[in-house]
Amino acid sequence: MNLDALTGLAEYRNGGLCLDLGLINVKNPDILSHSHQVASEIIVEWRALTVILLDIIAAKIREKLNMNTSELPLAKI
């Protein structure tokens, strides 16, 4: 199976880490003061950014470790 063909998980821990590390920022900090529905535009955009960032993070980690996608698939990032 090609593990690197799988999509990174756009779940709250990965998205929260991207937010906490400053990889993504909110335009309006007020949105962080209350919860949002899963299908809301804010959450959908956050999850999409998380998936994209996981791909970029994986590529950077592989580059630093001199590994390829077979040696370090996205599922292991």
Protein backbone atom coordinates (compact mmCIF):
# COMPACT_ATOMS: atom_id res chain seq x y z
CA MET A 1 0.00 0.00 0.00
CA ASN A 2 1.21 3.53 -0.78
CA LEU A 3 0.88 5.19 2.64
CA ASP A 4 2.02 8.52 1.28
CA ALA A 5 -1.01 8.65 -1.01
CA LEU A 6 -3.25 9.01 2.04
CA THR A 7 -4.42 12.46 3.11
CA GLY A 8 -3.21 13.92 6.38
CA LEU A 9 -5.82 14.14 9.11
CA ALA A 10 -7.46 17.53 9.37
CA GLU A 11 -8.49 16.92 12.93
CA TYR A 12 -8.33 19.38 15.79
CA ARG A 13 -4.96 18.25 17.16
CA ASN A 14 -3.16 18.80 13.86
CA GLY A 15 -5.06 22.00 13.11
CA GLY A 16 -4.55 23.25 16.65
CA LEU A 17 -0.83 22.60 16.44
CA CYS A 18 -0.65 24.63 13.22
CA LEU A 19 -2.52 27.43 14.96
CA ASP A 20 -0.41 27.24 18.14
CA LEU A 21 2.84 27.28 16.15
CA GLY A 22 1.74 30.33 14.19
CA LEU A 23 1.64 28.51 10.86
CA ILE A 24 -1.90 29.81 10.45
CA ASN A 25 -3.48 32.84 12.04
CA VAL A 26 -7.06 33.96 12.43
CA LYS A 27 -8.06 37.19 10.76
CA ASN A 28 -10.56 37.93 13.50
CA PRO A 29 -9.53 36.69 16.99
CA ASP A 30 -13.17 36.83 18.11
CA ILE A 31 -13.84 33.57 16.26
CA LEU A 32 -11.74 31.74 18.86
CA SER A 33 -14.02 32.81 21.70
CA HIS A 34 -16.88 30.46 20.82
CA SER A 35 -17.50 27.12 19.15
CA HIS A 36 -18.50 26.63 15.53
CA GLN A 37 -20.46 24.00 13.63
CA VAL A 38 -18.37 21.41 11.81
CA ALA A 39 -19.71 22.55 8.43
CA SER A 40 -19.12 26.26 9.09
CA GLU A 41 -16.90 28.15 6.67
CA ILE A 42 -14.35 28.79 9.42
CA ILE A 43 -13.92 25.11 10.29
CA VAL A 44 -13.89 23.94 6.66
CA GLU A 45 -11.17 26.50 5.83
CA TRP A 46 -9.16 25.56 8.93
CA ARG A 47 -9.30 21.87 8.03
CA ALA A 48 -8.30 22.54 4.41
CA LEU A 49 -5.32 24.63 5.54
CA THR A 50 -4.33 21.86 7.94
CA VAL A 51 -4.26 19.26 5.15
CA ILE A 52 -2.13 21.51 2.97
CA LEU A 53 0.23 22.33 5.83
CA LEU A 54 0.66 18.65 6.71
CA ASP A 55 1.90 18.02 3.17
CA ILE A 56 4.36 20.93 3.43
CA ILE A 57 5.52 19.88 6.91
CA ALA A 58 6.06 16.31 5.72
CA ALA A 59 8.18 17.49 2.78
CA LYS A 60 10.31 19.68 5.08
CA ILE A 61 10.83 16.88 7.60
CA ARG A 62 11.81 14.44 4.84
CA GLU A 63 14.23 17.01 3.43
CA LYS A 64 15.85 17.54 6.85
CA LEU A 65 16.11 13.79 7.46
CA ASN A 66 17.18 13.02 3.88
CA MET A 67 14.32 10.54 3.50
CA ASN A 68 11.82 9.89 0.73
CA THR A 69 8.08 9.20 0.80
CA SER A 70 8.63 5.45 0.95
CA GLU A 71 10.88 5.78 4.00
CA LEU A 72 8.73 8.39 5.74
CA PRO A 73 5.15 8.44 4.43
CA LEU A 74 2.68 11.14 5.36
CA ALA A 75 0.93 8.68 7.70
CA LYS A 76 4.01 8.74 9.92
CA ILE A 77 4.32 12.50 10.14
